[in-house]
Amino acid sequence: MIPVNEPLLTGNEKKYLAECIDTGWISSEGPFVRQFEQGIAARVSRRHGIAVSNGSVALEAAVAALGIGEGDEVIIPTFTIISCAAAVVRAGAMPVLIDSDPITWNIDAEKLKIKLKDEIDRKGNKKIKAIMVVHIYGLPVDMEPILELAEKYRLLIIEDAAEMLGQTYKGQPCGSYGDISTMSFYPNKHVTTGEGGMILTDSDALAEKCRSLRNLCFLAKKRFVHEELGWNFRMTNLQAAVGIAQMEQLDVFVIKKRKMGQKYTELLSDIKSIDLPVQKTDYAENIYWVYGIVLKDEIPFDAEEAMKRLGEKGIGTRPFFWPMHEQPVFKKMGFFKGESHPVAERISRRGFYIPSGLALTDNQINEVSRALHEVLA
């Protein structure tokens, strides 16, 4: 079986983990945590990095730190992981959904513009507080029009850069945009800590708030006296040690990812019945966090069936995100009644990604290509 993802742990991971064990620094108090925070922040040109236990809780803390709560609304793409919507809903706020661009699969800036014009200019909606942008699969969101809209309507920006460490938008690092950014270090990311995440900001006040929220809101002088409720979202020194070793190889990983993507494109470009990822736009070159494909309408079966057939040939796959407006949990809550977002609906049903992990070999890419040609012949 060729797995959909296998991390590459060939650097100083064992060395730094052994140092943690030898020194006894295995908890969140260890020195590697601060070093990792500083390294990620420097890489994406942010003043502050706050390490947390995973990317989902990074979003939770970011939303809370911005003061988003009951009665507020946050614009998010409908085509994203549920963590984005869950962070908004758990805060007591309401997600407002926008469909995807059919080419990049990211939030459609033109549809966002129309939505804001209708909700704020026409309806006078004062509940919308923020836009959560989520960079999807390999290409960043087209940020300039988003930033202009945020400035025009005085909206906060939360940048979910979970899949984009090492990527840039017009030369500026992803993770550097807006009021606050988040990242994930799950094993399928360019840099992994097993589990783990990061909150990034240039604001001293937001950074202080996030550090408090991740650490149960302990008071500096009276540790077990609490004026607010926080969470235990801390990252351990062991995780940070792995992250530092991974960061030492990030530039190599990015080059490897792009070469893998280019090889897949060369091998699969003769299959006219599928849409392949866009190699570049006028603002970014694809980083191929994963290599996604979308079945065209002439294929008489959907992604689920294609994945089943590939699995029978020993090829691991994973489906695309399922749209937020079609999530059963939100339907039970009465959210998004009557909403339709055709692009997201189509790519979620006809899209999936193939093995894309950093440990993938050229021979395995060739095997995946052969299997796809057989399944989609």
Protein backbone atom coordinates (compact mmCIF):
# COMPACT_ATOMS: atom_id res chain seq x y z
CA MET A 1 0.00 0.00 0.00
CA ILE A 2 1.30 3.44 -0.90
CA PRO A 3 0.04 5.68 1.95
CA VAL A 4 -1.56 9.02 1.21
CA ASN A 5 1.02 10.59 3.49
CA GLU A 6 4.22 9.55 5.23
CA PRO A 7 6.36 12.17 6.99
CA LEU A 8 10.09 12.50 6.45
CA LEU A 9 12.04 12.31 9.73
CA THR A 10 15.62 12.13 8.53
CA GLY A 11 17.16 15.16 10.24
CA ASN A 12 18.02 15.93 13.86
CA GLU A 13 14.72 14.71 15.31
CA LYS A 14 16.26 11.85 17.32
CA LYS A 15 19.14 14.02 18.52
CA TYR A 16 16.88 16.76 19.86
CA LEU A 17 14.44 14.28 21.40
CA ALA A 18 17.34 12.58 23.19
CA GLU A 19 18.37 15.99 24.52
CA CYS A 20 14.88 16.46 25.95
CA ILE A 21 15.06 13.10 27.70
CA ASP A 22 18.62 13.59 28.95
CA THR A 23 17.83 17.00 30.43
CA GLY A 24 14.39 16.08 31.73
CA TRP A 25 12.73 18.90 29.80
CA ILE A 26 9.76 17.06 28.33
CA SER A 27 6.86 19.37 29.30
CA SER A 28 5.76 22.70 27.90
CA GLU A 29 8.34 24.43 30.11
CA GLY A 30 11.29 23.24 28.04
CA PRO A 31 13.57 25.57 26.04
CA PHE A 32 12.77 24.09 22.63
CA VAL A 33 9.23 25.50 22.78
CA ARG A 34 10.37 29.12 22.84
CA GLN A 35 13.04 28.39 20.23
CA PHE A 36 10.41 26.85 17.94
CA GLU A 37 8.05 29.79 18.45
CA GLN A 38 10.78 32.26 17.57
CA GLY A 39 11.85 30.24 14.53
CA ILE A 40 8.37 30.01 13.03
CA ALA A 41 7.63 33.68 13.77
CA ALA A 42 10.87 34.76 12.09
CA ARG A 43 10.18 32.55 9.08
CA VAL A 44 6.82 34.20 8.41
CA SER A 45 7.87 37.73 9.44
CA ARG A 46 5.72 37.90 12.56
CA ARG A 47 6.68 39.43 15.91
CA HIS A 48 5.09 36.70 18.02
CA GLY A 49 4.61 32.95 17.82
CA ILE A 50 2.52 31.08 20.40
CA ALA A 51 2.89 27.30 20.23
CA VAL A 52 -0.22 25.22 20.96
CA SER A 53 -1.21 21.56 20.91
CA ASN A 54 -2.74 21.50 17.40
CA GLY A 55 -3.99 23.67 14.56
CA SER A 56 -7.66 23.40 15.52
CA VAL A 57 -7.13 24.84 18.98
CA ALA A 58 -4.97 27.56 17.44
CA LEU A 59 -8.14 28.72 15.66
CA GLU A 60 -10.18 28.46 18.88
CA ALA A 61 -7.71 30.62 20.80
CA ALA A 62 -7.35 33.10 17.93
CA VAL A 63 -11.12 33.65 17.71
CA ALA A 64 -11.36 34.05 21.48
CA ALA A 65 -8.39 36.44 21.65
CA LEU A 66 -10.03 38.71 19.06
CA GLY A 67 -13.11 38.99 21.26
CA ILE A 68 -15.44 37.36 18.75
CA GLY A 69 -18.49 35.99 20.52
CA GLU A 70 -22.25 35.84 20.91
CA GLY A 71 -24.10 37.61 18.11
CA ASP A 72 -21.04 38.13 15.91
CA GLU A 73 -20.57 36.77 12.40
CA VAL A 74 -17.37 35.56 10.73
CA ILE A 75 -17.04 35.01 7.00
CA ILE A 76 -15.36 31.71 6.10
CA PRO A 77 -15.11 29.55 2.98
CA THR A 78 -17.65 26.73 2.89
CA PHE A 79 -14.93 24.50 1.40
CA THR A 80 -12.61 24.01 4.35
CA ILE A 81 -11.94 21.75 7.32
CA ILE A 82 -14.61 21.83 10.00
CA SER A 83 -12.15 23.27 12.56
CA CYS A 84 -12.65 26.71 11.00
CA ALA A 85 -16.42 26.72 11.44
CA ALA A 86 -16.24 24.94 14.80
CA ALA A 87 -14.02 27.65 16.28
CA VAL A 88 -16.56 30.30 15.27
CA VAL A 89 -19.59 28.32 16.47
CA ARG A 90 -18.02 27.40 19.82
CA ALA A 91 -17.36 31.08 20.44
CA GLY A 92 -21.09 31.72 20.11
CA ALA A 93 -20.71 33.42 16.72
CA MET A 94 -22.14 32.45 13.33
CA PRO A 95 -20.15 31.46 10.22
CA VAL A 96 -21.17 33.22 7.01
CA LEU A 97 -20.21 31.02 4.05
CA ILE A 98 -18.64 31.89 0.69
CA ASP A 99 -18.20 29.53 -2.26
CA SER A 100 -14.88 28.55 -3.84
CA ASP A 101 -13.01 29.72 -6.89
CA PRO A 102 -13.28 26.79 -9.34
CA ILE A 103 -9.63 27.04 -10.40
CA THR A 104 -7.72 27.51 -7.13
CA TRP A 105 -10.37 25.99 -4.79
CA ASN A 106 -9.82 28.93 -2.42
CA ILE A 107 -12.46 31.40 -1.26
CA ASP A 108 -13.87 33.35 -4.22
CA ALA A 109 -12.94 37.00 -3.64
CA GLU A 110 -15.56 38.28 -6.09
CA LYS A 111 -18.33 36.38 -4.31
CA LEU A 112 -17.04 37.72 -1.01
CA LYS A 113 -17.19 41.26 -2.37
CA ILE A 114 -20.80 40.76 -3.47
CA LYS A 115 -21.73 39.25 -0.11
CA LEU A 116 -20.23 42.12 1.88
CA LYS A 117 -21.84 44.71 -0.36
CA ASP A 118 -25.21 43.07 0.13
CA GLU A 119 -24.91 42.44 3.87
CA ILE A 120 -23.23 45.69 4.93
CA ASP A 121 -23.98 48.30 2.26
CA ARG A 122 -27.54 47.21 1.56
CA LYS A 123 -28.73 45.52 4.76
CA GLY A 124 -26.61 47.49 7.22
CA ASN A 125 -25.40 44.27 8.88
CA LYS A 126 -23.17 45.25 11.79
CA LYS A 127 -22.69 41.70 13.06
CA ILE A 128 -19.90 40.75 10.65
CA LYS A 129 -16.64 41.14 12.59
CA ALA A 130 -14.03 39.17 10.68
CA ILE A 131 -12.99 37.28 7.56
CA MET A 132 -11.27 33.94 8.03
CA VAL A 133 -9.16 33.18 4.98
CA VAL A 134 -8.02 29.59 4.50
CA HIS A 135 -5.27 28.74 2.04
CA ILE A 136 -6.31 25.46 0.39
CA TYR A 137 -4.09 22.55 -0.67
CA GLY A 138 -1.18 24.38 -2.30
CA LEU A 139 -2.11 27.79 -3.64
CA PRO A 140 -2.66 30.77 -1.33
CA VAL A 141 -5.79 32.88 -1.32
CA ASP A 142 -5.57 35.98 -3.52
CA MET A 143 -5.03 38.27 -0.54
CA GLU A 144 -5.00 41.77 -2.04
CA PRO A 145 -8.74 42.04 -2.71
CA ILE A 146 -9.47 40.42 0.67
CA LEU A 147 -7.29 42.93 2.49
CA GLU A 148 -8.94 45.80 0.62
CA LEU A 149 -12.40 44.58 1.61
CA ALA A 150 -11.33 44.13 5.22
CA GLU A 151 -10.00 47.68 5.32
CA LYS A 152 -13.08 49.10 3.61
CA TYR A 153 -15.50 47.45 6.03
CA ARG A 154 -13.19 47.53 9.08
CA LEU A 155 -13.13 43.77 9.50
CA LEU A 156 -10.57 41.65 11.31
CA ILE A 157 -8.63 39.04 9.36
CA ILE A 158 -7.86 35.55 10.66
CA GLU A 159 -5.45 33.76 8.32
CA ASP A 160 -5.53 29.97 8.48
CA ALA A 161 -2.15 29.07 7.01
CA ALA A 162 -2.19 25.49 8.28
CA GLU A 163 -1.17 24.08 4.89
CA MET A 164 1.12 26.86 3.74
CA LEU A 165 4.34 26.99 5.77
CA GLY A 166 7.01 27.80 3.19
CA GLN A 167 4.55 29.31 0.70
CA THR A 168 4.42 32.99 -0.24
CA TYR A 169 1.89 35.39 -1.73
CA LYS A 170 3.61 37.89 -4.04
CA GLY A 171 6.83 37.19 -2.17
CA GLN A 172 5.41 37.73 1.32
CA PRO A 173 5.17 34.66 3.58
CA CYS A 174 1.81 33.03 4.18
CA GLY A 175 1.20 33.32 7.89
CA SER A 176 2.09 37.01 7.90
CA TYR A 177 -1.30 38.40 6.89
CA GLY A 178 -4.05 40.01 8.90
CA ASP A 179 -4.53 40.45 12.61
CA ILE A 180 -3.74 36.87 13.54
CA SER A 181 -2.62 33.71 11.75
CA THR A 182 -2.65 30.02 12.62
CA MET A 183 -0.65 26.98 11.55
CA SER A 184 -0.80 23.22 11.99
CA PHE A 185 2.03 20.72 12.41
CA TYR A 186 0.04 17.53 11.86
CA PRO A 187 2.12 14.71 10.24
CA ASN A 188 0.94 15.60 6.72
CA LYS A 189 2.20 19.20 6.94
CA HIS A 190 5.51 20.48 5.56
CA VAL A 191 6.78 20.71 9.14
CA THR A 192 5.40 18.25 11.66
CA THR A 193 5.54 17.88 15.43
CA GLY A 194 3.20 14.86 15.38
CA GLU A 195 0.41 17.07 16.63
CA GLY A 196 0.86 20.78 17.20
CA GLY A 197 -0.03 24.25 16.06
CA MET A 198 1.00 27.90 16.22
CA ILE A 199 -0.70 31.25 16.60
CA LEU A 200 1.11 34.18 14.95
CA THR A 201 0.56 37.90 15.35
CA ASP A 202 2.31 41.25 15.36
CA SER A 203 0.17 42.54 18.23
CA ASP A 204 1.73 42.47 21.70
CA ALA A 205 -1.73 42.50 23.29
CA LEU A 206 -3.06 39.61 21.16
CA ALA A 207 0.08 37.58 21.82
CA GLU A 208 -0.24 38.07 25.56
CA LYS A 209 -3.91 37.12 25.41
CA CYS A 210 -3.20 33.94 23.41
CA ARG A 211 -0.41 32.89 25.80
CA SER A 212 -2.82 33.28 28.69
CA LEU A 213 -5.65 31.41 26.97
CA ARG A 214 -3.44 28.43 26.09
CA ASN A 215 -2.27 28.16 29.70
CA LEU A 216 -5.55 28.11 31.68
CA CYS A 217 -5.34 31.88 32.21
CA PHE A 218 -3.03 31.49 35.19
CA LEU A 219 -2.22 34.83 36.82
CA ALA A 220 1.43 35.83 37.00
CA LYS A 221 1.46 36.52 40.75
CA LYS A 222 -1.38 34.26 41.93
CA ARG A 223 -1.09 31.16 39.79
CA PHE A 224 -4.23 29.36 40.94
CA VAL A 225 -6.45 32.42 41.00
CA HIS A 226 -8.30 32.86 37.70
CA GLU A 227 -10.08 35.91 36.35
CA GLU A 228 -10.89 34.18 33.02
CA LEU A 229 -11.37 30.66 31.72
CA GLY A 230 -8.69 29.41 29.38
CA TRP A 231 -7.61 26.02 28.08
CA ASN A 232 -4.64 23.73 28.38
CA PHE A 233 -3.49 24.09 24.78
CA ARG A 234 0.23 23.85 25.54
CA MET A 235 2.82 22.26 23.24
CA THR A 236 5.43 20.01 24.84
CA ASN A 237 9.18 20.40 24.59
CA LEU A 238 9.28 17.00 22.88
CA GLN A 239 6.99 18.22 20.10
CA ALA A 240 8.93 21.44 19.69
CA ALA A 241 12.20 19.51 19.44
CA VAL A 242 10.84 17.59 16.45
CA GLY A 243 9.56 20.84 14.98
CA ILE A 244 12.94 22.52 15.17
CA ALA A 245 14.59 19.59 13.40
CA GLN A 246 11.90 19.77 10.73
CA MET A 247 12.32 23.54 10.29
CA GLU A 248 16.00 22.99 9.52
CA GLN A 249 14.87 21.14 6.37
CA LEU A 250 11.88 23.28 5.35
CA ASP A 251 13.50 24.79 2.25
CA VAL A 252 14.50 21.31 1.07
CA PHE A 253 10.98 20.06 1.76
CA VAL A 254 9.43 22.85 -0.30
CA ILE A 255 11.68 22.08 -3.26
CA LYS A 256 10.85 18.38 -2.94
CA LYS A 257 7.10 19.07 -2.81
CA ARG A 258 7.23 21.17 -5.96
CA LYS A 259 9.26 18.53 -7.80
CA MET A 260 6.72 15.88 -6.77
CA GLY A 261 3.88 18.07 -8.03
CA GLN A 262 5.62 18.72 -11.31
CA LYS A 263 6.29 15.01 -11.83
CA TYR A 264 2.64 14.13 -11.16
CA THR A 265 1.53 16.81 -13.62
CA GLU A 266 3.86 15.47 -16.33
CA LEU A 267 2.62 11.91 -15.81
CA LEU A 268 -1.09 12.74 -15.56
CA SER A 269 -1.51 15.55 -18.07
CA ASP A 270 -2.59 13.11 -20.81
CA ILE A 271 -5.69 12.11 -18.79
CA LYS A 272 -8.14 14.61 -20.26
CA SER A 273 -11.01 13.54 -18.01
CA ILE A 274 -9.52 15.10 -14.84
CA ASP A 275 -8.62 18.59 -13.70
CA LEU A 276 -5.13 18.87 -12.22
CA PRO A 277 -3.92 21.49 -9.73
CA VAL A 278 -2.96 24.86 -11.17
CA GLN A 279 0.84 25.04 -11.37
CA LYS A 280 1.03 28.79 -10.77
CA THR A 281 -0.96 32.00 -10.68
CA ASP A 282 0.21 35.58 -11.08
CA TYR A 283 0.79 35.73 -7.30
CA ALA A 284 2.19 32.29 -6.34
CA GLU A 285 3.70 29.03 -7.50
CA ASN A 286 1.88 25.94 -6.23
CA ILE A 287 3.56 24.36 -3.22
CA TYR A 288 1.55 21.11 -3.64
CA TRP A 289 0.81 20.51 0.04
CA VAL A 290 -1.30 17.72 -1.42
CA TYR A 291 -1.82 16.76 -5.03
CA GLY A 292 -5.55 17.01 -5.64
CA ILE A 293 -7.48 16.01 -8.75
CA VAL A 294 -11.08 16.63 -9.76
CA LEU A 295 -12.99 14.24 -12.01
CA LYS A 296 -14.62 15.90 -14.99
CA ASP A 297 -18.28 15.20 -15.70
CA GLU A 298 -17.57 12.63 -18.40
CA ILE A 299 -16.26 10.24 -15.74
CA PRO A 300 -19.36 8.15 -14.92
CA PHE A 301 -18.52 7.74 -11.22
CA ASP A 302 -17.64 10.06 -8.36
CA ALA A 303 -14.55 10.52 -6.20
CA GLU A 304 -15.69 7.94 -3.67
CA GLU A 305 -15.79 5.23 -6.32
CA ALA A 306 -12.48 6.33 -7.83
CA MET A 307 -10.84 6.17 -4.41
CA LYS A 308 -12.28 2.70 -3.83
CA ARG A 309 -10.86 1.45 -7.12
CA LEU A 310 -7.46 2.99 -6.38
CA GLY A 311 -7.49 1.43 -2.92
CA GLU A 312 -7.97 -1.98 -4.52
CA LYS A 313 -4.74 -1.30 -6.41
CA GLY A 314 -2.86 -0.38 -3.23
CA ILE A 315 -3.03 3.40 -3.63
CA GLY A 316 -3.95 5.48 -0.58
CA THR A 317 -6.19 8.50 -1.16
CA ARG A 318 -8.17 11.00 0.83
CA PRO A 319 -11.37 12.88 -0.08
CA PHE A 320 -11.60 16.63 -0.45
CA PHE A 321 -13.20 18.67 2.32
CA TRP A 322 -16.98 18.40 2.62
CA PRO A 323 -18.72 21.82 2.50
CA MET A 324 -19.79 23.39 5.77
CA HIS A 325 -23.34 24.05 4.55
CA GLU A 326 -23.78 20.31 3.99
CA GLN A 327 -22.37 19.16 7.33
CA PRO A 328 -24.95 17.10 9.29
CA VAL A 329 -23.87 18.63 12.60
CA PHE A 330 -24.69 22.14 11.39
CA LYS A 331 -27.93 21.04 9.76
CA LYS A 332 -29.01 19.71 13.18
CA MET A 333 -28.30 23.16 14.59
CA GLY A 334 -30.49 24.75 11.93
CA PHE A 335 -27.62 26.54 10.22
CA PHE A 336 -27.29 27.38 6.50
CA LYS A 337 -30.86 26.49 5.53
CA GLY A 338 -31.44 26.67 1.79
CA GLU A 339 -27.83 27.58 1.01
CA SER A 340 -26.20 26.33 -2.15
CA HIS A 341 -22.55 26.75 -3.10
CA PRO A 342 -22.18 24.88 -6.41
CA VAL A 343 -18.41 24.96 -6.81
CA ALA A 344 -17.73 23.56 -3.35
CA GLU A 345 -20.48 20.98 -3.80
CA ARG A 346 -18.97 19.78 -7.06
CA ILE A 347 -15.31 19.57 -6.04
CA SER A 348 -16.18 17.88 -2.73
CA ARG A 349 -17.97 15.11 -4.64
CA ARG A 350 -15.56 14.77 -7.55
CA GLY A 351 -12.27 15.71 -5.92
CA PHE A 352 -9.71 13.73 -3.93
CA TYR A 353 -5.98 13.71 -3.42
CA ILE A 354 -3.40 11.06 -4.08
CA PRO A 355 -0.22 10.14 -2.16
CA SER A 356 1.61 13.38 -1.49
CA GLY A 357 3.78 12.87 1.61
CA LEU A 358 7.38 13.98 1.79
CA ALA A 359 8.62 10.38 2.02
CA LEU A 360 7.04 9.54 -1.37
CA THR A 361 9.55 8.21 -3.91
CA ASP A 362 9.69 8.66 -7.68
CA ASN A 363 8.94 4.96 -8.14
CA GLN A 364 5.83 5.31 -5.98
CA ILE A 365 4.71 8.33 -8.02
CA ASN A 366 5.08 6.22 -11.16
CA GLU A 367 2.97 3.46 -9.56
CA VAL A 368 0.26 5.94 -8.59
CA SER A 369 0.23 7.29 -12.14
CA ARG A 370 -0.15 3.82 -13.63
CA ALA A 371 -3.03 3.03 -11.29
CA LEU A 372 -4.81 6.28 -12.13
CA HIS A 373 -4.49 5.62 -15.84
CA GLU A 374 -6.03 2.17 -15.35
CA VAL A 375 -8.88 3.40 -13.17
CA LEU A 376 -9.71 6.38 -15.39
CA ALA A 377 -9.05 4.75 -18.77
